[in-house]
Amino acid sequence: MKHFMVSAVLSLVLVAPVWSTAPAVAQQKSSTIGVLSIASVDKALGDVGLLAELSDNSAILKEFRKQAEPFLAAIDTSQPAGVMLRTDGDEKFWAVGFAPISDIKKLVAMAEAADVDIDLADGIYSATGPNGKTINAKSQGDWLFIAEKKSQLKNLPKNPAKLLGSLPKKYIVAAQLNIQAIPADLRDKALAMLDEKIAEVQQQLPGESDEDFKARMEIFDTQMDSIRTLVKEIDKVTFGWAVNKKAKSTYFDIAITAVPGSDTAKTLSIYKNATSAHSGFLLPGAALTMHFSSSMPKQEIQQSLKMLEFARKQILEKFDEGAPLPDEKSKERAAKVIAKLLDLFIDTVKEGKIDGGLAVVLKPRDSSIVAGGRIADGGSLDKVFREFVALAKELDDDFPDVEFEAESYQGVTFHTLSIPLDEDDKAAKVFGEKLNVAFGTGKKSFYVAFGKDALGSVKQVIDLSKKNADKKLPPAQMALAIGPIVKFAASVDEENPALLMASILVSQVKDKDHVRFVVRPIKNGFSYRIELEEGLVRIIGQAGKFAKQLGGGPGL
């Protein structure tokens, strides 16, 4: 998924310059390749009204509606508005806006009252403002179309709302680019630009061996092949902002879909909601949780393996050149430990399944961090850990004692150690007088935990994972709980007035104070969602009011 997202962004970056710098001159034939969707006034004000209510800013919205009332009387508030990005197929692009007008005469009268000169000729209104800039508009049916030039107001759709599809119902504001509607010759031009850029970077670096240069270029060529495929097979890219009235939250979506039946669509179909052996990392009450679980497409496996094998060689070479160890024997032993660890990660990628996560619980002098996931061979990882400890103790007499096989729990064998912390050390404010560490491995899993009750924390994760073993989860998700983070920061830095104020704000919200990031599978693609929960919307609104009272800016 990570490789696909990077390639998708790069492909859009390459395609964009082809049309963004094109002259805006229209011809007779034209087609729409992208749209900006604005929900109907009724929906937009309803959704934004909920946010205003939650953030205690309803008065601002009420004043806006009062000021906009004359304008709203001239439009159909039940219909969406939008912008079409159009092309003539010959490197010429332009934008045409449209709005649902119920009374064109009222709209003209309002414009003239605002010192805008209106000229009507051949059915087109030319509006010139006090700054001397002119825009053109054409009334057609129930719609008013707006463009920079008169020639761009030809071949207009009877009902432009159909171009927006379901966007106005799903989002307050959204934008969608139809990559496949961009003429094929322009997409070919983008690929030609890509080849030129490749030629610029395909140079051997100073001091780089022929073997390393060849390996690096193989990785680079594989990545570029992926980008070429995406330029040809991405169908639509959608951005949208919306409100979930039921959950009282607001969110922003980025969705990417591929052409149905294409190789890219088949690849993306692998990413599905699925069960996980490590869902317990979604720990209730944690300040930060992260979880990922999915199969890997063959192409991504091959690409990852090339990168890992190249990185393995580079790491071992750099280690051999500059490792600060006392003798060659120690250096050789350390290199073997590193090599075994890297080989384990390579073997894990070969299996084509990723599954793991992270949880951070923040409490004054009692915080904990737990991470872990799937590994190809837990027994081999255990041996690597033991070898590392043996070597570390030989090289450093102060290396803490490790209690091997301190405990076994649910098929996981744990080794523990404690690191004393200076009372004045900042880490002591986080973890307490000592940092306890637990490292454990199962048949196909590993865990590492830090904190006052490291073992207790990782057991919580294991128990919750077992409890939710049958629950299907999205391929990747992360959540930040703002309340625990702010309260913890205020407890560590008690004299910070900004943190004290923030702590007061978050204390007014009992729950639902998360920022959530979720990757979801959709038909022929996937979407990224960033969501702000109800409590966080309330906090932002109150923070804006505090800032206004202190002279720091307007309320939200």
Protein backbone atom coordinates (compact mmCIF):
# COMPACT_ATOMS: atom_id res chain seq x y z
CA MET A 1 0.00 0.00 0.00
CA LYS A 2 2.81 2.41 0.87
CA HIS A 3 4.58 1.81 -2.46
CA PHE A 4 1.31 2.27 -4.36
CA MET A 5 0.51 5.58 -2.62
CA VAL A 6 3.98 6.99 -3.32
CA SER A 7 3.76 5.94 -6.97
CA ALA A 8 0.25 7.38 -7.30
CA VAL A 9 1.32 10.77 -5.96
CA LEU A 10 4.36 10.86 -8.25
CA SER A 11 2.24 9.95 -11.27
CA LEU A 12 -0.15 12.84 -10.52
CA VAL A 13 2.78 15.20 -10.09
CA LEU A 14 4.02 14.17 -13.53
CA VAL A 15 0.62 14.45 -15.21
CA ALA A 16 -0.27 17.83 -13.68
CA PRO A 17 2.33 19.99 -15.47
CA VAL A 18 1.08 18.75 -18.84
CA TRP A 19 -2.24 20.51 -18.45
CA SER A 20 -1.69 23.09 -15.72
CA THR A 21 0.50 25.27 -17.92
CA ALA A 22 -1.60 24.86 -21.07
CA PRO A 23 -3.16 27.99 -22.63
CA ALA A 24 -6.80 28.51 -21.75
CA VAL A 25 -8.33 28.83 -25.23
CA ALA A 26 -11.50 26.96 -26.06
CA GLN A 27 -12.52 25.35 -29.34
CA GLN A 28 -15.84 23.96 -30.52
CA LYS A 29 -15.37 20.44 -29.19
CA SER A 30 -14.77 20.05 -25.49
CA SER A 31 -15.00 17.47 -22.74
CA THR A 32 -14.93 17.60 -18.95
CA ILE A 33 -11.95 15.96 -17.21
CA GLY A 34 -12.53 17.15 -13.66
CA VAL A 35 -15.06 18.81 -11.38
CA LEU A 36 -15.27 20.82 -8.20
CA SER A 37 -18.47 20.01 -6.32
CA ILE A 38 -20.17 22.32 -3.82
CA ALA A 39 -23.15 20.88 -1.97
CA SER A 40 -26.51 22.61 -2.05
CA VAL A 41 -26.90 25.55 0.32
CA ASP A 42 -29.45 23.54 2.31
CA LYS A 43 -27.03 20.67 2.88
CA ALA A 44 -23.94 22.84 3.39
CA LEU A 45 -25.60 25.09 5.97
CA GLY A 46 -27.10 22.09 7.72
CA ASP A 47 -23.75 20.30 8.00
CA VAL A 48 -21.73 23.38 8.87
CA GLY A 49 -24.50 24.32 11.31
CA LEU A 50 -23.79 21.15 13.28
CA LEU A 51 -20.09 22.04 13.51
CA ALA A 52 -20.99 25.58 14.57
CA GLU A 53 -23.28 24.21 17.28
CA LEU A 54 -20.64 21.76 18.57
CA SER A 55 -17.97 24.47 18.65
CA ASP A 56 -20.36 26.99 20.25
CA ASN A 57 -20.16 29.31 17.25
CA SER A 58 -23.78 29.24 16.05
CA ALA A 59 -23.98 33.04 16.26
CA ILE A 60 -21.36 33.41 13.54
CA LEU A 61 -23.31 31.15 11.18
CA LYS A 62 -26.55 32.97 12.01
CA GLU A 63 -24.95 36.28 11.08
CA PHE A 64 -23.62 34.80 7.83
CA ARG A 65 -27.08 33.58 6.83
CA LYS A 66 -28.50 37.03 7.56
CA GLN A 67 -25.89 38.74 5.40
CA ALA A 68 -26.29 36.20 2.58
CA GLU A 69 -30.10 36.23 2.58
CA PRO A 70 -30.48 38.51 -0.50
CA PHE A 71 -28.12 36.31 -2.51
CA LEU A 72 -29.80 33.08 -1.34
CA ALA A 73 -33.14 34.46 -2.55
CA ALA A 74 -31.79 34.42 -6.12
CA ILE A 75 -30.57 30.81 -6.18
CA ASP A 76 -32.09 27.37 -5.81
CA THR A 77 -30.83 26.31 -2.38
CA SER A 78 -31.73 22.66 -2.99
CA GLN A 79 -29.29 22.22 -5.90
CA PRO A 80 -25.47 21.96 -5.88
CA ALA A 81 -23.01 24.27 -7.59
CA GLY A 82 -19.64 23.48 -9.06
CA VAL A 83 -16.81 24.01 -11.52
CA MET A 84 -15.96 21.98 -14.62
CA LEU A 85 -12.38 21.57 -15.79
CA ARG A 86 -12.64 21.23 -19.58
CA THR A 87 -10.34 20.51 -22.49
CA ASP A 88 -10.50 20.60 -26.27
CA GLY A 89 -8.10 17.64 -26.47
CA ASP A 90 -5.25 19.78 -27.78
CA GLU A 91 -3.38 20.91 -24.66
CA LYS A 92 -5.94 23.63 -23.95
CA PHE A 93 -7.75 23.64 -20.60
CA TRP A 94 -10.18 26.02 -18.94
CA ALA A 95 -12.66 26.19 -16.08
CA VAL A 96 -16.42 26.82 -16.23
CA GLY A 97 -18.37 27.46 -13.04
CA PHE A 98 -22.08 26.81 -12.66
CA ALA A 99 -24.75 27.65 -10.09
CA PRO A 100 -28.49 26.93 -9.77
CA ILE A 101 -30.15 30.32 -10.32
CA SER A 102 -33.85 30.76 -9.57
CA ASP A 103 -34.04 34.50 -10.36
CA ILE A 104 -31.41 35.92 -12.73
CA LYS A 105 -32.93 39.41 -12.55
CA LYS A 106 -32.38 39.58 -8.78
CA LEU A 107 -28.79 38.45 -9.23
CA VAL A 108 -28.12 41.12 -11.89
CA ALA A 109 -29.71 43.79 -9.69
CA MET A 110 -27.49 42.83 -6.74
CA ALA A 111 -24.40 42.94 -8.95
CA GLU A 112 -25.27 46.40 -10.29
CA ALA A 113 -25.92 47.62 -6.73
CA ALA A 114 -22.37 46.52 -5.91
CA ASP A 115 -20.94 48.78 -8.68
CA VAL A 116 -20.54 45.94 -11.18
CA ASP A 117 -21.22 46.94 -14.81
CA ILE A 118 -23.40 44.36 -16.58
CA ASP A 119 -23.55 44.12 -20.36
CA LEU A 120 -25.89 41.62 -22.07
CA ALA A 121 -25.07 40.64 -25.66
CA ASP A 122 -25.86 37.46 -27.60
CA GLY A 123 -27.28 35.85 -24.46
CA ILE A 124 -24.05 36.32 -22.47
CA TYR A 125 -23.69 38.61 -19.47
CA SER A 126 -20.33 40.38 -19.20
CA ALA A 127 -19.71 41.60 -15.66
CA THR A 128 -16.93 44.15 -15.07
CA GLY A 129 -16.05 44.92 -11.48
CA PRO A 130 -14.51 48.07 -9.95
CA ASN A 131 -11.06 46.54 -10.52
CA GLY A 132 -11.68 46.40 -14.27
CA LYS A 133 -11.67 42.62 -14.49
CA THR A 134 -14.44 41.05 -16.56
CA ILE A 135 -16.07 37.65 -16.26
CA ASN A 136 -18.74 36.22 -18.53
CA ALA A 137 -21.90 34.31 -17.67
CA LYS A 138 -24.63 32.54 -19.59
CA SER A 139 -28.06 31.59 -18.31
CA GLN A 140 -29.22 28.23 -19.64
CA GLY A 141 -32.28 26.54 -18.21
CA ASP A 142 -32.05 26.58 -14.41
CA TRP A 143 -28.30 27.16 -14.42
CA LEU A 144 -25.92 30.08 -14.70
CA PHE A 145 -22.54 29.20 -16.27
CA ILE A 146 -19.50 31.41 -15.58
CA ALA A 147 -16.19 31.54 -17.47
CA GLU A 148 -13.28 33.87 -18.15
CA LYS A 149 -13.98 34.09 -21.90
CA LYS A 150 -17.18 34.08 -23.93
CA SER A 151 -15.79 31.37 -26.22
CA GLN A 152 -15.63 29.04 -23.21
CA LEU A 153 -19.40 29.17 -22.77
CA LYS A 154 -20.15 26.79 -25.66
CA ASN A 155 -21.30 23.16 -25.68
CA LEU A 156 -22.59 23.43 -22.13
CA PRO A 157 -24.40 20.48 -20.52
CA LYS A 158 -28.14 20.77 -19.96
CA ASN A 159 -27.81 19.58 -16.36
CA PRO A 160 -24.26 20.06 -15.04
CA ALA A 161 -25.23 18.56 -11.69
CA LYS A 162 -25.08 15.12 -13.35
CA LEU A 163 -21.33 15.61 -13.84
CA LEU A 164 -20.96 15.75 -10.06
CA GLY A 165 -22.47 12.32 -9.53
CA SER A 166 -22.89 11.53 -5.82
CA LEU A 167 -20.28 14.05 -4.67
CA PRO A 168 -22.78 16.77 -3.56
CA LYS A 169 -24.66 14.25 -1.40
CA LYS A 170 -21.51 12.82 0.17
CA TYR A 171 -19.42 15.96 0.67
CA ILE A 172 -19.80 19.65 1.44
CA VAL A 173 -16.93 20.40 -0.93
CA ALA A 174 -15.20 17.89 -3.20
CA ALA A 175 -12.92 17.75 -6.21
CA GLN A 176 -12.55 14.88 -8.66
CA LEU A 177 -10.09 14.41 -11.50
CA ASN A 178 -10.89 11.86 -14.19
CA ILE A 179 -7.46 10.75 -15.38
CA GLN A 180 -8.89 8.60 -18.17
CA ALA A 181 -10.71 11.62 -19.62
CA ILE A 182 -7.38 13.37 -20.20
CA PRO A 183 -6.59 12.78 -23.88
CA ALA A 184 -4.28 9.82 -24.44
CA ASP A 185 -1.68 11.91 -26.28
CA LEU A 186 -1.35 14.20 -23.26
CA ARG A 187 -0.86 11.23 -20.95
CA ASP A 188 1.75 9.94 -23.39
CA LYS A 189 3.44 13.33 -23.16
CA ALA A 190 3.52 12.97 -19.38
CA LEU A 191 5.23 9.60 -19.76
CA ALA A 192 7.75 11.13 -22.15
CA MET A 193 8.52 13.77 -19.52
CA LEU A 194 8.97 10.92 -17.04
CA ASP A 195 11.51 9.23 -19.31
CA GLU A 196 13.44 12.50 -19.59
CA LYS A 197 13.57 12.82 -15.80
CA ILE A 198 14.75 9.21 -15.51
CA ALA A 199 17.62 9.89 -17.89
CA GLU A 200 18.68 12.85 -15.73
CA VAL A 201 19.07 10.75 -12.56
CA GLN A 202 20.50 7.58 -14.09
CA GLN A 203 24.04 8.57 -13.24
CA GLN A 204 26.56 6.61 -11.22
CA LEU A 205 27.36 8.35 -7.94
CA PRO A 206 30.94 9.19 -6.93
CA GLY A 207 32.47 6.20 -5.14
CA GLU A 208 29.54 3.94 -6.06
CA SER A 209 30.58 0.52 -7.29
CA ASP A 210 29.29 -0.84 -10.61
CA GLU A 211 27.44 -3.56 -8.71
CA ASP A 212 25.70 -1.10 -6.37
CA PHE A 213 24.85 1.21 -9.26
CA LYS A 214 23.28 -1.66 -11.17
CA ALA A 215 21.25 -2.75 -8.11
CA ARG A 216 20.08 0.81 -7.43
CA MET A 217 19.00 1.27 -11.04
CA GLU A 218 17.04 -1.99 -10.97
CA ILE A 219 15.08 -0.73 -7.97
CA PHE A 220 14.61 2.65 -9.62
CA ASP A 221 13.44 1.09 -12.90
CA THR A 222 10.91 -1.05 -11.03
CA GLN A 223 9.48 2.02 -9.29
CA MET A 224 9.30 3.95 -12.56
CA ASP A 225 7.50 1.04 -14.25
CA SER A 226 4.91 1.24 -11.48
CA ILE A 227 4.44 4.95 -12.10
CA ARG A 228 4.06 4.39 -15.85
CA THR A 229 1.37 1.79 -15.17
CA LEU A 230 -0.47 4.13 -12.81
CA VAL A 231 -0.50 7.00 -15.31
CA LYS A 232 -2.21 4.61 -17.73
CA GLU A 233 -4.53 2.83 -15.26
CA ILE A 234 -5.61 5.30 -12.56
CA ASP A 235 -9.25 6.15 -13.21
CA LYS A 236 -10.31 8.84 -10.75
CA VAL A 237 -8.78 10.77 -7.86
CA THR A 238 -11.26 12.34 -5.42
CA PHE A 239 -10.84 14.77 -2.52
CA GLY A 240 -13.77 15.58 -0.25
CA TRP A 241 -14.73 17.25 3.05
CA ALA A 242 -17.86 16.17 4.89
CA VAL A 243 -19.71 15.99 8.20
CA ASN A 244 -21.03 12.81 9.78
CA LYS A 245 -24.17 14.00 11.53
CA LYS A 246 -24.77 10.71 13.33
CA ALA A 247 -21.27 10.57 14.81
CA LYS A 248 -21.06 14.39 15.06
CA SER A 249 -17.63 14.33 13.46
CA THR A 250 -16.02 15.87 10.40
CA TYR A 251 -13.66 14.20 7.97
CA PHE A 252 -11.56 14.62 4.85
CA ASP A 253 -11.28 11.85 2.23
CA ILE A 254 -8.76 11.10 -0.49
CA ALA A 255 -9.90 8.30 -2.79
CA ILE A 256 -8.03 6.70 -5.68
CA THR A 257 -9.63 4.23 -8.07
CA ALA A 258 -8.24 2.27 -11.00
CA VAL A 259 -9.81 1.40 -14.33
CA PRO A 260 -12.08 -1.64 -13.75
CA GLY A 261 -10.42 -4.86 -14.89
CA SER A 262 -6.95 -3.29 -15.10
CA ASP A 263 -3.88 -4.81 -13.49
CA THR A 264 -3.87 -1.98 -10.96
CA ALA A 265 -7.51 -2.69 -10.00
CA LYS A 266 -6.67 -6.37 -9.54
CA THR A 267 -3.67 -5.46 -7.39
CA LEU A 268 -5.70 -3.12 -5.19
CA SER A 269 -8.40 -5.78 -4.70
CA ILE A 270 -5.93 -7.59 -2.41
CA TYR A 271 -6.31 -4.85 0.20
CA LYS A 272 -9.45 -5.84 2.09
CA ASN A 273 -10.93 -5.59 5.55
CA ALA A 274 -9.58 -8.69 7.30
CA THR A 275 -9.04 -10.32 10.66
CA SER A 276 -5.78 -9.74 12.50
CA ALA A 277 -3.66 -11.55 15.08
CA HIS A 278 -2.60 -8.19 16.53
CA SER A 279 -5.77 -6.09 16.75
CA GLY A 280 -5.07 -5.55 20.46
CA PHE A 281 -2.82 -2.62 19.59
CA LEU A 282 -6.07 -0.64 19.23
CA LEU A 283 -5.93 -0.25 23.01
CA PRO A 284 -8.77 1.75 24.63
CA GLY A 285 -7.50 4.78 26.54
CA ALA A 286 -4.18 4.94 24.69
CA ALA A 287 -2.89 8.31 23.52
CA LEU A 288 -1.68 6.81 20.25
CA THR A 289 -2.67 3.58 18.53
CA MET A 290 -1.60 2.21 15.19
CA HIS A 291 -2.57 -1.00 13.45
CA PHE A 292 -1.96 -2.48 10.02
CA SER A 293 -2.90 -5.85 8.57
CA SER A 294 -3.06 -6.90 4.93
CA SER A 295 -1.73 -9.20 2.29
CA MET A 296 0.91 -7.84 -0.06
CA PRO A 297 0.55 -7.98 -3.85
CA LYS A 298 3.28 -9.93 -5.64
CA GLN A 299 4.55 -6.77 -7.30
CA GLU A 300 4.92 -5.00 -3.94
CA ILE A 301 6.65 -8.06 -2.44
CA GLN A 302 9.19 -8.12 -5.26
CA GLN A 303 9.73 -4.36 -5.04
CA SER A 304 10.15 -4.48 -1.25
CA LEU A 305 12.57 -7.40 -1.44
CA LYS A 306 14.81 -5.59 -3.91
CA MET A 307 14.88 -2.54 -1.66
CA LEU A 308 15.51 -4.57 1.51
CA GLU A 309 18.27 -6.66 -0.05
CA PHE A 310 19.96 -3.53 -1.38
CA ALA A 311 19.59 -1.84 2.04
CA ARG A 312 20.98 -4.95 3.74
CA LYS A 313 24.13 -4.80 1.63
CA GLN A 314 24.56 -1.06 2.22
CA ILE A 315 24.04 -1.34 6.00
CA LEU A 316 26.55 -4.16 6.38
CA GLU A 317 29.13 -2.37 4.25
CA LYS A 318 28.77 0.86 6.23
CA PHE A 319 28.94 -1.10 9.48
CA ASP A 320 32.11 -2.84 8.39
CA GLU A 321 33.70 0.49 7.45
CA GLY A 322 32.93 2.49 10.58
CA ALA A 323 31.56 0.40 13.46
CA PRO A 324 33.13 1.69 16.75
CA LEU A 325 33.98 -1.76 18.11
CA PRO A 326 37.26 -2.72 19.83
CA ASP A 327 38.35 -5.58 17.55
CA GLU A 328 37.59 -7.44 14.33
CA LYS A 329 36.10 -10.41 16.16
CA SER A 330 33.51 -8.22 17.88
CA LYS A 331 32.78 -6.43 14.62
CA GLU A 332 32.27 -9.74 12.84
CA ARG A 333 29.91 -11.04 15.56
CA ALA A 334 27.90 -7.81 15.52
CA ALA A 335 27.68 -7.92 11.73
CA LYS A 336 26.27 -11.46 11.91
CA VAL A 337 23.61 -10.37 14.40
CA ILE A 338 22.58 -7.48 12.15
CA ALA A 339 22.56 -9.74 9.08
CA LYS A 340 20.36 -12.32 10.81
CA LEU A 341 17.93 -9.63 11.90
CA LEU A 342 17.69 -8.16 8.39
CA ASP A 343 17.26 -11.65 6.91
CA LEU A 344 14.33 -12.25 9.24
CA PHE A 345 12.58 -9.12 7.98
CA ILE A 346 13.28 -10.18 4.39
CA ASP A 347 11.81 -13.63 5.09
CA THR A 348 8.74 -11.96 6.63
CA VAL A 349 8.18 -9.88 3.50
CA LYS A 350 8.52 -13.02 1.36
CA GLU A 351 5.51 -14.49 3.16
CA GLY A 352 3.42 -11.60 1.80
CA LYS A 353 1.52 -10.77 4.99
CA ILE A 354 1.97 -7.75 7.25
CA ASP A 355 0.23 -7.56 10.62
CA GLY A 356 1.20 -5.47 13.63
CA GLY A 357 0.88 -2.21 15.46
CA LEU A 358 1.81 0.22 18.19
CA ALA A 359 0.15 1.57 21.34
CA VAL A 360 1.31 4.44 23.55
CA VAL A 361 -0.30 5.06 26.96
CA LEU A 362 0.64 8.37 28.59
CA LYS A 363 0.48 8.78 32.37
CA PRO A 364 2.80 10.83 34.61
CA ARG A 365 5.72 8.58 35.63
CA ASP A 366 3.72 5.55 34.45
CA SER A 367 3.68 5.68 30.63
CA SER A 368 4.08 2.65 28.41
CA ILE A 369 4.89 1.91 24.79
CA VAL A 370 4.09 -1.43 23.17
CA ALA A 371 4.94 -2.44 19.60
CA GLY A 372 5.06 -5.70 17.71
CA GLY A 373 3.63 -7.81 14.96
CA ARG A 374 4.11 -10.71 12.65
CA ILE A 375 7.56 -12.20 12.03
CA ALA A 376 8.53 -15.12 9.80
CA ASP A 377 10.19 -17.09 12.61
CA GLY A 378 9.81 -16.01 16.23
CA GLY A 379 12.27 -18.67 17.41
CA SER A 380 15.01 -17.29 15.18
CA LEU A 381 14.32 -13.75 16.41
CA ASP A 382 14.65 -14.99 19.99
CA LYS A 383 18.10 -16.44 19.18
CA VAL A 384 19.15 -13.14 17.57
CA PHE A 385 18.11 -11.28 20.73
CA ARG A 386 20.12 -13.62 22.95
CA GLU A 387 23.18 -13.22 20.71
CA PHE A 388 22.79 -9.44 20.86
CA VAL A 389 22.60 -9.43 24.66
CA ALA A 390 25.64 -11.72 25.00
CA LEU A 391 27.71 -9.47 22.75
CA ALA A 392 26.48 -6.27 24.45
CA LYS A 393 27.43 -7.54 27.90
CA GLU A 394 30.90 -8.48 26.69
CA LEU A 395 31.42 -5.01 25.23
CA ASP A 396 29.82 -3.01 28.05
CA ASP A 397 30.10 -4.01 31.72
CA ASP A 398 27.28 -1.60 32.56
CA PHE A 399 24.79 -3.23 30.20
CA PRO A 400 21.75 -4.14 32.36
CA ASP A 401 21.15 -7.74 33.36
CA VAL A 402 18.52 -9.54 31.34
CA GLU A 403 16.18 -12.04 32.94
CA PHE A 404 15.73 -14.60 30.20
CA GLU A 405 12.44 -16.45 30.06
CA ALA A 406 11.09 -14.25 32.83
CA GLU A 407 7.55 -15.26 31.92
CA SER A 408 5.52 -17.07 29.29
CA TYR A 409 2.05 -15.85 28.35
CA GLN A 410 -0.34 -17.07 25.67
CA GLY A 411 2.47 -18.80 23.77
CA VAL A 412 4.85 -15.83 24.00
CA THR A 413 8.14 -16.11 25.91
CA PHE A 414 9.34 -12.86 27.49
CA HIS A 415 12.77 -11.64 28.54
CA THR A 416 12.93 -8.55 30.77
CA LEU A 417 15.44 -5.93 31.89
CA SER A 418 15.41 -2.68 33.84
CA ILE A 419 17.30 0.53 33.13
CA PRO A 420 17.69 2.95 36.10
CA LEU A 421 16.73 6.55 35.36
CA ASP A 422 18.09 9.68 36.99
CA GLU A 423 15.38 11.55 38.90
CA ASP A 424 16.31 14.72 37.00
CA ASP A 425 16.13 12.94 33.67
CA LYS A 426 13.12 13.90 31.55
CA ALA A 427 12.54 10.22 30.89
CA ALA A 428 11.87 9.73 34.62
CA LYS A 429 8.85 12.04 34.33
CA VAL A 430 7.53 9.73 31.64
CA PHE A 431 8.41 6.24 32.88
CA GLY A 432 9.24 6.64 36.57
CA GLU A 433 12.45 5.80 38.49
CA LYS A 434 13.39 3.03 36.07
CA LEU A 435 12.58 1.97 32.54
CA ASN A 436 11.35 -1.61 32.43
CA VAL A 437 11.68 -3.39 29.10
CA ALA A 438 10.02 -6.61 27.97
CA PHE A 439 10.89 -8.43 24.76
CA GLY A 440 8.88 -11.47 23.70
CA THR A 441 8.50 -13.84 20.78
CA GLY A 442 5.89 -16.37 19.78
CA LYS A 443 5.89 -18.79 16.87
CA LYS A 444 5.03 -16.06 14.35
CA SER A 445 5.05 -12.91 16.47
CA PHE A 446 7.21 -10.53 18.46
CA TYR A 447 6.54 -7.84 21.04
CA VAL A 448 8.63 -5.13 22.69
CA ALA A 449 7.32 -3.01 25.55
CA PHE A 450 8.69 -0.11 27.61
CA GLY A 451 7.22 1.22 30.84
CA LYS A 452 6.69 0.77 34.56
CA ASP A 453 4.47 -2.23 33.88
CA ALA A 454 5.91 -3.32 30.54
CA LEU A 455 4.72 -6.91 30.85
CA GLY A 456 1.27 -5.85 31.99
CA SER A 457 0.91 -3.55 28.99
CA VAL A 458 1.88 -6.18 26.43
CA LYS A 459 -0.43 -8.73 28.09
CA GLN A 460 -3.30 -6.28 27.61
CA VAL A 461 -2.50 -6.15 23.89
CA ILE A 462 -2.30 -9.94 23.62
CA ASP A 463 -5.59 -10.46 25.49
CA LEU A 464 -7.42 -7.89 23.39
CA SER A 465 -6.00 -9.41 20.20
CA LYS A 466 -7.37 -12.81 21.21
CA LYS A 467 -10.75 -11.33 22.15
CA ASN A 468 -11.11 -9.58 18.76
CA ALA A 469 -9.51 -12.30 16.63
CA ASP A 470 -12.64 -12.66 14.48
CA LYS A 471 -13.19 -8.93 13.99
CA LYS A 472 -12.50 -7.60 10.50
CA LEU A 473 -10.44 -4.42 10.39
CA PRO A 474 -9.37 -2.00 7.65
CA PRO A 475 -5.87 -2.48 6.17
CA ALA A 476 -4.38 0.39 8.20
CA GLN A 477 -5.49 2.84 10.85
CA MET A 478 -4.06 5.23 13.42
CA ALA A 479 -5.66 7.31 16.18
CA LEU A 480 -4.39 10.21 18.28
CA ALA A 481 -6.29 11.01 21.49
CA ILE A 482 -5.73 14.71 22.10
CA GLY A 483 -7.00 14.71 25.70
CA PRO A 484 -4.45 12.27 27.17
CA ILE A 485 -1.62 13.90 25.21
CA VAL A 486 -2.42 17.42 26.43
CA LYS A 487 -3.01 16.34 30.04
CA PHE A 488 0.25 14.41 30.10
CA ALA A 489 2.19 17.33 28.59
CA ALA A 490 0.70 19.68 31.20
CA SER A 491 1.71 17.32 34.01
CA VAL A 492 5.29 17.21 32.77
CA ASP A 493 5.55 20.97 32.21
CA GLU A 494 3.37 22.37 35.00
CA GLU A 495 4.49 25.98 34.57
CA ASN A 496 3.48 26.26 30.92
CA PRO A 497 0.33 28.49 30.78
CA ALA A 498 -0.60 27.39 27.24
CA LEU A 499 -0.60 23.73 28.29
CA LEU A 500 -2.58 24.58 31.42
CA MET A 501 -5.24 26.32 29.31
CA ALA A 502 -5.30 23.40 26.86
CA SER A 503 -5.66 20.98 29.76
CA ILE A 504 -8.70 22.89 31.01
CA LEU A 505 -10.26 22.72 27.55
CA VAL A 506 -9.77 18.99 27.06
CA SER A 507 -11.05 18.25 30.57
CA GLN A 508 -14.45 19.52 29.41
CA VAL A 509 -14.58 16.71 26.85
CA LYS A 510 -14.87 13.24 28.38
CA ASP A 511 -14.27 11.26 25.21
CA LYS A 512 -14.40 11.35 21.43
CA ASP A 513 -11.33 13.56 21.21
CA HIS A 514 -9.48 11.55 18.55
CA VAL A 515 -7.95 12.39 15.24
CA ARG A 516 -8.32 9.19 13.22
CA PHE A 517 -6.49 8.14 10.06
CA VAL A 518 -8.01 5.15 8.27
CA VAL A 519 -7.26 3.38 4.98
CA ARG A 520 -10.39 1.73 3.58
CA PRO A 521 -10.83 -0.54 0.56
CA ILE A 522 -13.39 0.68 -1.99
CA LYS A 523 -14.45 -0.71 -5.35
CA ASN A 524 -11.39 -0.78 -7.67
CA GLY A 525 -9.33 1.24 -5.19
CA PHE A 526 -8.96 2.59 -1.69
CA SER A 527 -9.54 5.74 0.34
CA TYR A 528 -7.66 7.61 3.04
CA ARG A 529 -9.81 9.30 5.69
CA ILE A 530 -8.77 11.83 8.33
CA GLU A 531 -11.55 12.28 10.89
CA LEU A 532 -11.96 14.70 13.80
CA GLU A 533 -14.32 13.40 16.46
CA GLU A 534 -17.06 15.40 18.19
CA GLY A 535 -15.04 16.26 21.29
CA LEU A 536 -12.16 17.59 19.24
CA VAL A 537 -14.51 19.86 17.25
CA ARG A 538 -15.73 21.27 20.57
CA ILE A 539 -12.15 21.78 21.78
CA ILE A 540 -11.15 23.61 18.57
CA GLY A 541 -14.15 25.91 18.85
CA GLN A 542 -13.39 26.77 22.48
CA ALA A 543 -9.71 27.28 21.69
CA GLY A 544 -10.69 29.77 19.01
CA LYS A 545 -12.78 31.72 21.51
CA PHE A 546 -9.92 31.78 24.02
CA ALA A 547 -7.57 33.03 21.30
CA LYS A 548 -10.03 35.80 20.40
CA GLN A 549 -10.36 36.88 24.02
CA LEU A 550 -6.58 37.04 24.31
CA GLY A 551 -6.32 39.01 21.08
CA GLY A 552 -4.82 36.10 19.19
CA GLY A 553 -7.37 35.95 16.40
CA PRO A 554 -11.04 35.43 15.51
CA GLY A 555 -13.25 32.72 16.96
CA LEU A 556 -13.92 29.67 14.87
